[in-house]
Amino acid sequence: MFNYKKEKNILTAIKNDKYIINENYLLNNNKRLYIFDLDDTLYLRTLRGLINNYDNYCDIDIDKLHEYIKEIIYKLHESNKILCIASHNPCVKYCLNKLGILHLFTYIIGEKRNKKSMVLEILNHTQIAYDEAIFLDDLIDNIKDVSELGLESHFLGSNLGILELI
């Protein structure tokens, strides 16, 4: 079950044609639980590498982009959404702390195992129904695996991570 919406994004410097969902939908739907991947979804590690390696990306301020990500996460938290992380990155708490948003997350997993099992653990821990959860990741294989559970899953595949939501 893929829930893609194809549109143009205002941040087109990296890739013009991408699958995105709109921030208004993210903030104003019936979902109570938001499960995010970390790397290249909330923390733009790959984008930082692109900026450092190519002159034509130098006009992008990664810190300003991360500030906008923080804004979205704060809006979700203020809307009483439950925020969780399912990441392969063992340093997930360090990265969230660096962004200043660690305290906003209810449950955090940072280990090498499949996303489907991480999402199941989060659902079990939070006791939220599958139809009240949403999963966001930058890897299509993770989206395929998690969507098999019946969760609404969104592919963020442009190196802009959650910024695709604007």
Protein backbone atom coordinates (compact mmCIF):
# COMPACT_ATOMS: atom_id res chain seq x y z
CA MET A 1 0.00 0.00 0.00
CA PHE A 2 1.85 3.06 -1.25
CA ASN A 3 0.46 6.53 -0.64
CA TYR A 4 2.30 8.73 -3.08
CA LYS A 5 1.31 12.15 -4.27
CA LYS A 6 3.34 13.50 -7.17
CA GLU A 7 3.84 17.27 -7.12
CA LYS A 8 6.53 19.91 -7.64
CA ASN A 9 8.45 21.06 -4.61
CA ILE A 10 9.63 24.62 -3.96
CA LEU A 11 13.06 23.29 -2.99
CA THR A 12 14.03 21.97 -6.42
CA ALA A 13 17.81 22.50 -6.20
CA ILE A 14 18.49 18.82 -5.55
CA LYS A 15 15.94 16.98 -7.67
CA ASN A 16 12.94 18.32 -9.56
CA ASP A 17 10.77 15.22 -9.86
CA LYS A 18 9.95 13.58 -6.53
CA TYR A 19 7.19 12.06 -4.48
CA ILE A 20 6.00 14.34 -1.72
CA ILE A 21 3.17 14.81 0.69
CA ASN A 22 2.02 18.20 1.78
CA GLU A 23 2.75 19.69 5.19
CA ASN A 24 -0.90 20.60 5.69
CA TYR A 25 -1.85 16.93 5.29
CA LEU A 26 0.88 15.89 7.71
CA LEU A 27 -0.37 18.26 10.40
CA ASN A 28 -4.11 17.90 9.81
CA ASN A 29 -4.97 14.23 9.49
CA ASN A 30 -6.30 11.59 11.87
CA LYS A 31 -2.91 9.99 12.52
CA ARG A 32 -1.74 9.93 16.14
CA LEU A 33 1.62 8.20 15.71
CA TYR A 34 4.42 9.38 13.43
CA ILE A 35 7.33 7.01 12.90
CA PHE A 36 10.33 8.57 11.19
CA ASP A 37 13.57 7.23 9.87
CA LEU A 38 16.48 9.46 10.93
CA ASP A 39 19.21 9.68 8.28
CA ASP A 40 18.08 11.58 5.19
CA THR A 41 14.55 11.86 6.59
CA LEU A 42 14.98 14.10 9.63
CA TYR A 43 18.75 14.53 9.72
CA LEU A 44 20.02 15.46 6.27
CA ARG A 45 23.35 13.68 6.28
CA THR A 46 23.47 13.04 2.51
CA LEU A 47 22.41 16.59 1.69
CA ARG A 48 25.26 17.89 3.84
CA GLY A 49 27.64 15.77 1.75
CA LEU A 50 26.18 17.15 -1.48
CA ILE A 51 26.58 20.71 -0.23
CA ASN A 52 30.20 20.10 0.78
CA ASN A 53 31.12 18.32 -2.44
CA TYR A 54 29.49 20.45 -5.14
CA ASP A 55 29.82 24.18 -5.66
CA ASN A 56 26.29 24.54 -7.08
CA TYR A 57 24.80 23.46 -3.72
CA CYS A 58 26.75 26.01 -1.69
CA ASP A 59 23.83 28.43 -1.64
CA ILE A 60 21.82 25.96 0.49
CA ASP A 61 22.23 26.57 4.22
CA ILE A 62 21.93 23.15 5.88
CA ASP A 63 21.42 24.72 9.30
CA LYS A 64 18.42 26.69 8.03
CA LEU A 65 16.98 23.50 6.53
CA HIS A 66 17.42 21.73 9.86
CA GLU A 67 15.69 24.67 11.59
CA TYR A 68 12.71 24.13 9.30
CA ILE A 69 12.69 20.41 10.11
CA LYS A 70 12.65 21.31 13.81
CA GLU A 71 9.69 23.61 13.15
CA ILE A 72 7.70 20.76 11.56
CA ILE A 73 8.52 18.38 14.41
CA TYR A 74 7.52 20.99 17.01
CA LYS A 75 4.23 21.58 15.18
CA LEU A 76 3.49 17.85 15.25
CA HIS A 77 4.37 17.64 18.94
CA GLU A 78 2.20 20.67 19.75
CA SER A 79 -0.65 18.94 17.91
CA ASN A 80 -0.36 16.07 20.43
CA LYS A 81 1.09 13.65 17.89
CA ILE A 82 3.27 10.82 19.22
CA LEU A 83 6.69 10.95 17.57
CA CYS A 84 9.00 7.95 17.28
CA ILE A 85 12.20 7.03 15.44
CA ALA A 86 13.05 3.74 13.72
CA SER A 87 16.62 4.10 12.50
CA HIS A 88 19.61 1.94 11.66
CA ASN A 89 21.84 4.70 13.02
CA PRO A 90 23.22 3.75 16.46
CA CYS A 91 23.90 7.46 17.12
CA VAL A 92 20.25 8.44 16.68
CA LYS A 93 19.96 10.11 20.09
CA TYR A 94 23.11 12.14 19.46
CA CYS A 95 21.72 13.40 16.12
CA LEU A 96 18.32 14.26 17.60
CA ASN A 97 20.03 16.05 20.47
CA LYS A 98 22.18 17.97 17.97
CA LEU A 99 18.97 19.08 16.24
CA GLY A 100 17.52 20.01 19.65
CA ILE A 101 14.49 17.74 19.30
CA LEU A 102 15.45 14.62 21.27
CA HIS A 103 12.99 15.45 24.06
CA LEU A 104 10.05 15.46 21.61
CA PHE A 105 10.29 11.74 20.80
CA THR A 106 8.44 9.13 22.83
CA TYR A 107 10.29 6.04 21.61
CA ILE A 108 13.59 5.75 19.75
CA ILE A 109 15.18 2.70 18.15
CA GLY A 110 18.67 2.93 16.70
CA GLU A 111 19.99 -0.46 15.69
CA LYS A 112 20.70 -2.67 12.71
CA ARG A 113 17.56 -4.69 12.06
CA ASN A 114 14.71 -4.48 9.61
CA LYS A 115 12.33 -1.52 9.76
CA LYS A 116 9.28 -3.74 9.88
CA SER A 117 10.32 -5.22 13.25
CA MET A 118 11.21 -1.77 14.58
CA VAL A 119 7.80 -0.41 13.58
CA LEU A 120 6.06 -3.40 15.18
CA GLU A 121 7.98 -2.75 18.41
CA ILE A 122 6.95 0.92 18.34
CA LEU A 123 3.30 0.04 17.70
CA ASN A 124 3.39 -2.45 20.57
CA HIS A 125 5.05 0.04 22.93
CA THR A 126 2.69 2.93 22.12
CA GLN A 127 -0.45 0.77 21.83
CA ILE A 128 -1.55 2.82 18.80
CA ALA A 129 -3.66 1.12 16.12
CA TYR A 130 -2.08 0.55 12.71
CA ASP A 131 -4.59 2.83 11.00
CA GLU A 132 -3.61 5.69 13.33
CA ALA A 133 0.09 5.51 12.40
CA ILE A 134 2.17 6.95 9.58
CA PHE A 135 5.70 5.93 8.56
CA LEU A 136 8.18 8.14 6.68
CA ASP A 137 11.49 6.92 5.23
CA ASP A 138 13.91 7.73 2.42
CA LEU A 139 14.44 4.10 1.33
CA ILE A 140 11.85 2.44 -0.89
CA ASP A 141 12.59 -1.07 0.47
CA ASN A 142 11.71 0.09 3.99
CA ILE A 143 8.49 1.63 2.68
CA LYS A 144 7.56 -1.64 0.95
CA ASP A 145 8.24 -3.71 4.07
CA VAL A 146 6.36 -1.45 6.47
CA SER A 147 3.44 -0.88 4.11
CA GLU A 148 2.85 -4.67 4.18
CA LEU A 149 1.68 -4.12 7.77
CA GLY A 150 -1.10 -1.86 6.50
CA LEU A 151 0.52 1.36 7.71
CA GLU A 152 0.30 4.50 5.64
CA SER A 153 3.90 4.85 4.42
CA HIS A 154 5.52 7.74 2.58
CA PHE A 155 8.66 7.58 0.49
CA LEU A 156 10.89 10.64 0.85
CA GLY A 157 13.48 9.93 -1.79
CA SER A 158 15.02 13.19 -2.94
CA ASN A 159 17.76 13.77 -0.33
CA LEU A 160 15.53 16.48 1.15
CA GLY A 161 13.91 14.15 3.66
CA ILE A 162 10.99 15.64 5.52
CA LEU A 163 11.53 18.94 3.67
CA GLU A 164 9.61 17.30 0.84
CA LEU A 165 6.56 18.00 2.99
CA ILE A 166 6.56 21.70 2.21
